[in-house]
Amino acid sequence: MKVFVNDIEVKTYYGAKVKSAVMAFLRNQQLPINLEGLEVRDQWNNVIDMNGSIRSNSKIYVKL
């Protein structure tokens, strides 16, 4: 399944949680995988939980 994290396409598995997509994004961008203190928002600027579900083509944004 593909999702967009900070407008960059990331591939993850069906049924993935927000946390999995963020980790895939961090690996893809060669950034340290440290999830503490990260704020994740959806495309409507709502704060979302790392354990929340996501759908294909979802857009989420991480403040690094």
PDB file of N, CA and C in Angstrom:
ATOM      1  N   MET A   1       0.862  -1.157   0.000  1.00  0.00           N
ATOM      2  CA  MET A   1       0.000   0.000   0.000  1.00  0.00           C
ATOM      3  C   MET A   1       0.911   1.223   0.000  1.00  0.00           C
ATOM      4  N   LYS A   2       0.492   2.262  -0.668  1.00  0.00           N
ATOM      5  CA  LYS A   2       1.284   3.492  -0.661  1.00  0.00           C
ATOM      6  C   LYS A   2       0.571   4.575   0.138  1.00  0.00           C
ATOM      7  N   VAL A   3       1.375   5.304   0.878  1.00  0.00           N
ATOM      8  CA  VAL A   3       0.909   6.468   1.619  1.00  0.00           C
ATOM      9  C   VAL A   3       1.920   7.580   1.364  1.00  0.00           C
ATOM     10  N   PHE A   4       1.546   8.783   1.692  1.00  0.00           N
ATOM     11  CA  PHE A   4       2.432   9.920   1.496  1.00  0.00           C
ATOM     12  C   PHE A   4       2.768  10.520   2.852  1.00  0.00           C
ATOM     13  N   VAL A   5       4.056  10.577   3.135  1.00  0.00           N
ATOM     14  CA  VAL A   5       4.532  11.183   4.373  1.00  0.00           C
ATOM     15  C   VAL A   5       5.351  12.401   3.960  1.00  0.00           C
ATOM     16  N   ASN A   6       4.926  13.563   4.419  1.00  0.00           N
ATOM     17  CA  ASN A   6       5.559  14.831   4.017  1.00  0.00           C
ATOM     18  C   ASN A   6       5.644  14.919   2.495  1.00  0.00           C
ATOM     19  N   ASP A   7       4.581  14.487   1.829  1.00  0.00           N
ATOM     20  CA  ASP A   7       4.437  14.515   0.369  1.00  0.00           C
ATOM     21  C   ASP A   7       5.425  13.617  -0.376  1.00  0.00           C
ATOM     22  N   ILE A   8       6.015  12.659   0.317  1.00  0.00           N
ATOM     23  CA  ILE A   8       6.894  11.673  -0.308  1.00  0.00           C
ATOM     24  C   ILE A   8       6.215  10.320  -0.230  1.00  0.00           C
ATOM     25  N   GLU A   9       6.122   9.636  -1.381  1.00  0.00           N
ATOM     26  CA  GLU A   9       5.457   8.335  -1.425  1.00  0.00           C
ATOM     27  C   GLU A   9       6.273   7.292  -0.677  1.00  0.00           C
ATOM     28  N   VAL A  10       5.577   6.535   0.183  1.00  0.00           N
ATOM     29  CA  VAL A  10       6.198   5.477   0.974  1.00  0.00           C
ATOM     30  C   VAL A  10       5.355   4.217   0.792  1.00  0.00           C
ATOM     31  N   LYS A  11       6.014   3.102   0.587  1.00  0.00           N
ATOM     32  CA  LYS A  11       5.318   1.815   0.469  1.00  0.00           C
ATOM     33  C   LYS A  11       5.297   1.138   1.835  1.00  0.00           C
ATOM     34  N   THR A  12       4.154   0.614   2.198  1.00  0.00           N
ATOM     35  CA  THR A  12       4.015  -0.138   3.438  1.00  0.00           C
ATOM     36  C   THR A  12       2.975  -1.234   3.213  1.00  0.00           C
ATOM     37  N   TYR A  13       2.748  -2.056   4.192  1.00  0.00           N
ATOM     38  CA  TYR A  13       1.832  -3.184   4.044  1.00  0.00           C
ATOM     39  C   TYR A  13       0.390  -2.760   4.330  1.00  0.00           C
ATOM     40  N   TYR A  14      -0.558  -3.505   3.770  1.00  0.00           N
ATOM     41  CA  TYR A  14      -1.981  -3.229   4.028  1.00  0.00           C
ATOM     42  C   TYR A  14      -2.283  -3.466   5.495  1.00  0.00           C
ATOM     43  N   GLY A  15      -3.040  -2.564   6.069  1.00  0.00           N
ATOM     44  CA  GLY A  15      -3.375  -2.654   7.482  1.00  0.00           C
ATOM     45  C   GLY A  15      -2.335  -2.006   8.377  1.00  0.00           C
ATOM     46  N   ALA A  16      -1.396  -1.289   7.779  1.00  0.00           N
ATOM     47  CA  ALA A  16      -0.317  -0.660   8.545  1.00  0.00           C
ATOM     48  C   ALA A  16      -0.859   0.451   9.432  1.00  0.00           C
ATOM     49  N   LYS A  17      -0.137   0.718  10.464  1.00  0.00           N
ATOM     50  CA  LYS A  17      -0.443   1.815  11.367  1.00  0.00           C
ATOM     51  C   LYS A  17       0.384   3.039  10.963  1.00  0.00           C
ATOM     52  N   VAL A  18       0.037   4.171  11.505  1.00  0.00           N
ATOM     53  CA  VAL A  18       0.764   5.411  11.232  1.00  0.00           C
ATOM     54  C   VAL A  18       2.242   5.223  11.566  1.00  0.00           C
ATOM     55  N   LYS A  19       2.513   4.563  12.662  1.00  0.00           N
ATOM     56  CA  LYS A  19       3.889   4.328  13.103  1.00  0.00           C
ATOM     57  C   LYS A  19       4.720   3.637  12.018  1.00  0.00           C
ATOM     58  N   SER A  20       4.160   2.642  11.350  1.00  0.00           N
ATOM     59  CA  SER A  20       4.877   1.907  10.304  1.00  0.00           C
ATOM     60  C   SER A  20       5.209   2.810   9.124  1.00  0.00           C
ATOM     61  N   ALA A  21       4.275   3.655   8.743  1.00  0.00           N
ATOM     62  CA  ALA A  21       4.507   4.574   7.631  1.00  0.00           C
ATOM     63  C   ALA A  21       5.585   5.600   7.988  1.00  0.00           C
ATOM     64  N   VAL A  22       5.554   6.107   9.209  1.00  0.00           N
ATOM     65  CA  VAL A  22       6.555   7.081   9.641  1.00  0.00           C
ATOM     66  C   VAL A  22       7.929   6.425   9.683  1.00  0.00           C
ATOM     67  N   MET A  23       8.018   5.204  10.178  1.00  0.00           N
ATOM     68  CA  MET A  23       9.302   4.507  10.222  1.00  0.00           C
ATOM     69  C   MET A  23       9.827   4.247   8.814  1.00  0.00           C
ATOM     70  N   ALA A  24       8.948   3.866   7.890  1.00  0.00           N
ATOM     71  CA  ALA A  24       9.361   3.654   6.500  1.00  0.00           C
ATOM     72  C   ALA A  24       9.871   4.956   5.890  1.00  0.00           C
ATOM     73  N   PHE A  25       9.213   6.064   6.199  1.00  0.00           N
ATOM     74  CA  PHE A  25       9.644   7.371   5.713  1.00  0.00           C
ATOM     75  C   PHE A  25      11.027   7.722   6.258  1.00  0.00           C
ATOM     76  N   LEU A  26      11.234   7.533   7.548  1.00  0.00           N
ATOM     77  CA  LEU A  26      12.520   7.856   8.158  1.00  0.00           C
ATOM     78  C   LEU A  26      13.643   7.005   7.569  1.00  0.00           C
ATOM     79  N   ARG A  27      13.374   5.706   7.348  1.00  0.00           N
ATOM     80  CA  ARG A  27      14.376   4.844   6.713  1.00  0.00           C
ATOM     81  C   ARG A  27      14.669   5.310   5.300  1.00  0.00           C
ATOM     82  N   ASN A  28      13.609   5.634   4.552  1.00  0.00           N
ATOM     83  CA  ASN A  28      13.750   6.075   3.168  1.00  0.00           C
ATOM     84  C   ASN A  28      14.585   7.351   3.059  1.00  0.00           C
ATOM     85  N   GLN A  29      14.418   8.239   4.005  1.00  0.00           N
ATOM     86  CA  GLN A  29      15.134   9.524   4.004  1.00  0.00           C
ATOM     87  C   GLN A  29      16.467   9.446   4.740  1.00  0.00           C
ATOM     88  N   GLN A  30      16.817   8.250   5.209  1.00  0.00           N
ATOM     89  CA  GLN A  30      18.060   8.012   5.939  1.00  0.00           C
ATOM     90  C   GLN A  30      18.192   8.923   7.156  1.00  0.00           C
ATOM     91  N   LEU A  31      17.079   9.040   7.877  1.00  0.00           N
ATOM     92  CA  LEU A  31      17.044   9.819   9.115  1.00  0.00           C
ATOM     93  C   LEU A  31      17.053   8.864  10.298  1.00  0.00           C
ATOM     94  N   PRO A  32      17.491   9.307  11.457  1.00  0.00           N
ATOM     95  CA  PRO A  32      17.471   8.428  12.644  1.00  0.00           C
ATOM     96  C   PRO A  32      16.032   8.026  12.979  1.00  0.00           C
ATOM     97  N   ILE A  33      15.868   6.758  13.304  1.00  0.00           N
ATOM     98  CA  ILE A  33      14.527   6.263  13.628  1.00  0.00           C
ATOM     99  C   ILE A  33      14.295   6.437  15.121  1.00  0.00           C
ATOM    100  N   ASN A  34      13.842   7.617  15.470  1.00  0.00           N
ATOM    101  CA  ASN A  34      13.515   7.962  16.843  1.00  0.00           C
ATOM    102  C   ASN A  34      12.118   8.567  16.825  1.00  0.00           C
ATOM    103  N   LEU A  35      11.156   7.835  17.340  1.00  0.00           N
ATOM    104  CA  LEU A  35       9.763   8.272  17.258  1.00  0.00           C
ATOM    105  C   LEU A  35       9.342   9.159  18.430  1.00  0.00           C
ATOM    106  N   GLU A  36      10.197   9.270  19.433  1.00  0.00           N
ATOM    107  CA  GLU A  36       9.842  10.080  20.600  1.00  0.00           C
ATOM    108  C   GLU A  36       9.780  11.555  20.233  1.00  0.00           C
ATOM    109  N   GLY A  37       8.701  12.185  20.630  1.00  0.00           N
ATOM    110  CA  GLY A  37       8.553  13.616  20.421  1.00  0.00           C
ATOM    111  C   GLY A  37       8.096  14.029  19.032  1.00  0.00           C
ATOM    112  N   LEU A  38       7.869  13.053  18.147  1.00  0.00           N
ATOM    113  CA  LEU A  38       7.396  13.404  16.809  1.00  0.00           C
ATOM    114  C   LEU A  38       5.904  13.718  16.852  1.00  0.00           C
ATOM    115  N   GLU A  39       5.514  14.758  16.169  1.00  0.00           N
ATOM    116  CA  GLU A  39       4.099  15.110  16.050  1.00  0.00           C
ATOM    117  C   GLU A  39       3.655  14.763  14.643  1.00  0.00           C
ATOM    118  N   VAL A  40       2.595  13.961  14.547  1.00  0.00           N
ATOM    119  CA  VAL A  40       2.093  13.526  13.246  1.00  0.00           C
ATOM    120  C   VAL A  40       0.705  14.112  13.037  1.00  0.00           C
ATOM    121  N   ARG A  41       0.501  14.680  11.858  1.00  0.00           N
ATOM    122  CA  ARG A  41      -0.794  15.289  11.510  1.00  0.00           C
ATOM    123  C   ARG A  41      -1.294  14.723  10.195  1.00  0.00           C
ATOM    124  N   ASP A  42      -2.604  14.754  10.015  1.00  0.00           N
ATOM    125  CA  ASP A  42      -3.178  14.318   8.748  1.00  0.00           C
ATOM    126  C   ASP A  42      -3.259  15.510   7.791  1.00  0.00           C
ATOM    127  N   GLN A  43      -3.831  15.272   6.616  1.00  0.00           N
ATOM    128  CA  GLN A  43      -3.877  16.331   5.606  1.00  0.00           C
ATOM    129  C   GLN A  43      -4.773  17.491   5.989  1.00  0.00           C
ATOM    130  N   TRP A  44      -5.597  17.314   7.006  1.00  0.00           N
ATOM    131  CA  TRP A  44      -6.469  18.396   7.472  1.00  0.00           C
ATOM    132  C   TRP A  44      -5.911  19.067   8.727  1.00  0.00           C
ATOM    133  N   ASN A  45      -4.641  18.760   9.043  1.00  0.00           N
ATOM    134  CA  ASN A  45      -3.916  19.352  10.156  1.00  0.00           C
ATOM    135  C   ASN A  45      -4.380  18.875  11.531  1.00  0.00           C
ATOM    136  N   ASN A  46      -5.038  17.711  11.588  1.00  0.00           N
ATOM    137  CA  ASN A  46      -5.416  17.126  12.871  1.00  0.00           C
ATOM    138  C   ASN A  46      -4.272  16.265  13.385  1.00  0.00           C
ATOM    139  N   VAL A  47      -3.977  16.356  14.670  1.00  0.00           N
ATOM    140  CA  VAL A  47      -2.965  15.493  15.267  1.00  0.00           C
ATOM    141  C   VAL A  47      -3.512  14.068  15.279  1.00  0.00           C
ATOM    142  N   ILE A  48      -2.694  13.111  14.837  1.00  0.00           N
ATOM    143  CA  ILE A  48      -3.124  11.715  14.816  1.00  0.00           C
ATOM    144  C   ILE A  48      -2.170  10.869  15.656  1.00  0.00           C
ATOM    145  N   ASP A  49      -2.695   9.782  16.164  1.00  0.00           N
ATOM    146  CA  ASP A  49      -1.957   8.885  17.039  1.00  0.00           C
ATOM    147  C   ASP A  49      -1.076   7.948  16.218  1.00  0.00           C
ATOM    148  N   MET A  50       0.103   7.648  16.709  1.00  0.00           N
ATOM    149  CA  MET A  50       1.025   6.739  16.015  1.00  0.00           C
ATOM    150  C   MET A  50       0.430   5.343  15.855  1.00  0.00           C
ATOM    151  N   ASN A  51      -0.484   4.962  16.737  1.00  0.00           N
ATOM    152  CA  ASN A  51      -1.095   3.634  16.656  1.00  0.00           C
ATOM    153  C   ASN A  51      -2.383   3.632  15.835  1.00  0.00           C
ATOM    154  N   GLY A  52      -2.701   4.752  15.215  1.00  0.00           N
ATOM    155  CA  GLY A  52      -3.897   4.844  14.394  1.00  0.00           C
ATOM    156  C   GLY A  52      -3.720   4.144  13.057  1.00  0.00           C
ATOM    157  N   SER A  53      -4.819   3.746  12.471  1.00  0.00           N
ATOM    158  CA  SER A  53      -4.797   3.084  11.167  1.00  0.00           C
ATOM    159  C   SER A  53      -4.721   4.116  10.053  1.00  0.00           C
ATOM    160  N   ILE A  54      -4.180   3.694   8.923  1.00  0.00           N
ATOM    161  CA  ILE A  54      -4.149   4.549   7.749  1.00  0.00           C
ATOM    162  C   ILE A  54      -4.648   3.766   6.547  1.00  0.00           C
ATOM    163  N   ARG A  55      -5.089   4.483   5.570  1.00  0.00           N
ATOM    164  CA  ARG A  55      -5.581   3.880   4.331  1.00  0.00           C
ATOM    165  C   ARG A  55      -4.598   4.153   3.205  1.00  0.00           C
ATOM    166  N   SER A  56      -4.783   3.447   2.121  1.00  0.00           N
ATOM    167  CA  SER A  56      -3.976   3.684   0.933  1.00  0.00           C
ATOM    168  C   SER A  56      -4.171   5.122   0.464  1.00  0.00           C
ATOM    169  N   ASN A  57      -3.114   5.737   0.035  1.00  0.00           N
ATOM    170  CA  ASN A  57      -3.090   7.127  -0.462  1.00  0.00           C
ATOM    171  C   ASN A  57      -3.322   8.177   0.627  1.00  0.00           C
ATOM    172  N   SER A  58      -3.242   7.781   1.884  1.00  0.00           N
ATOM    173  CA  SER A  58      -3.352   8.760   2.972  1.00  0.00           C
ATOM    174  C   SER A  58      -2.178   9.708   2.920  1.00  0.00           C
ATOM    175  N   LYS A  59      -2.405  10.926   3.374  1.00  0.00           N
ATOM    176  CA  LYS A  59      -1.339  11.913   3.461  1.00  0.00           C
ATOM    177  C   LYS A  59      -1.159  12.296   4.910  1.00  0.00           C
ATOM    178  N   ILE A  60       0.061  12.071   5.418  1.00  0.00           N
ATOM    179  CA  ILE A  60       0.363  12.457   6.780  1.00  0.00           C
ATOM    180  C   ILE A  60       1.630  13.300   6.773  1.00  0.00           C
ATOM    181  N   TYR A  61       1.762  14.100   7.801  1.00  0.00           N
ATOM    182  CA  TYR A  61       2.875  15.038   7.894  1.00  0.00           C
ATOM    183  C   TYR A  61       3.531  14.915   9.258  1.00  0.00           C
ATOM    184  N   VAL A  62       4.857  14.837   9.250  1.00  0.00           N
ATOM    185  CA  VAL A  62       5.626  14.673  10.462  1.00  0.00           C
ATOM    186  C   VAL A  62       6.470  15.919  10.685  1.00  0.00           C
ATOM    187  N   LYS A  63       6.417  16.459  11.893  1.00  0.00           N
ATOM    188  CA  LYS A  63       7.308  17.568  12.243  1.00  0.00           C
ATOM    189  C   LYS A  63       8.553  16.951  12.854  1.00  0.00           C
ATOM    190  N   LEU A  64       9.673  17.165  12.206  1.00  0.00           N
ATOM    191  CA  LEU A  64      10.940  16.567  12.671  1.00  0.00           C
ATOM    192  C   LEU A  64      11.662  17.508  13.611  1.00  0.00           C
TER     193      LEU A  64
END
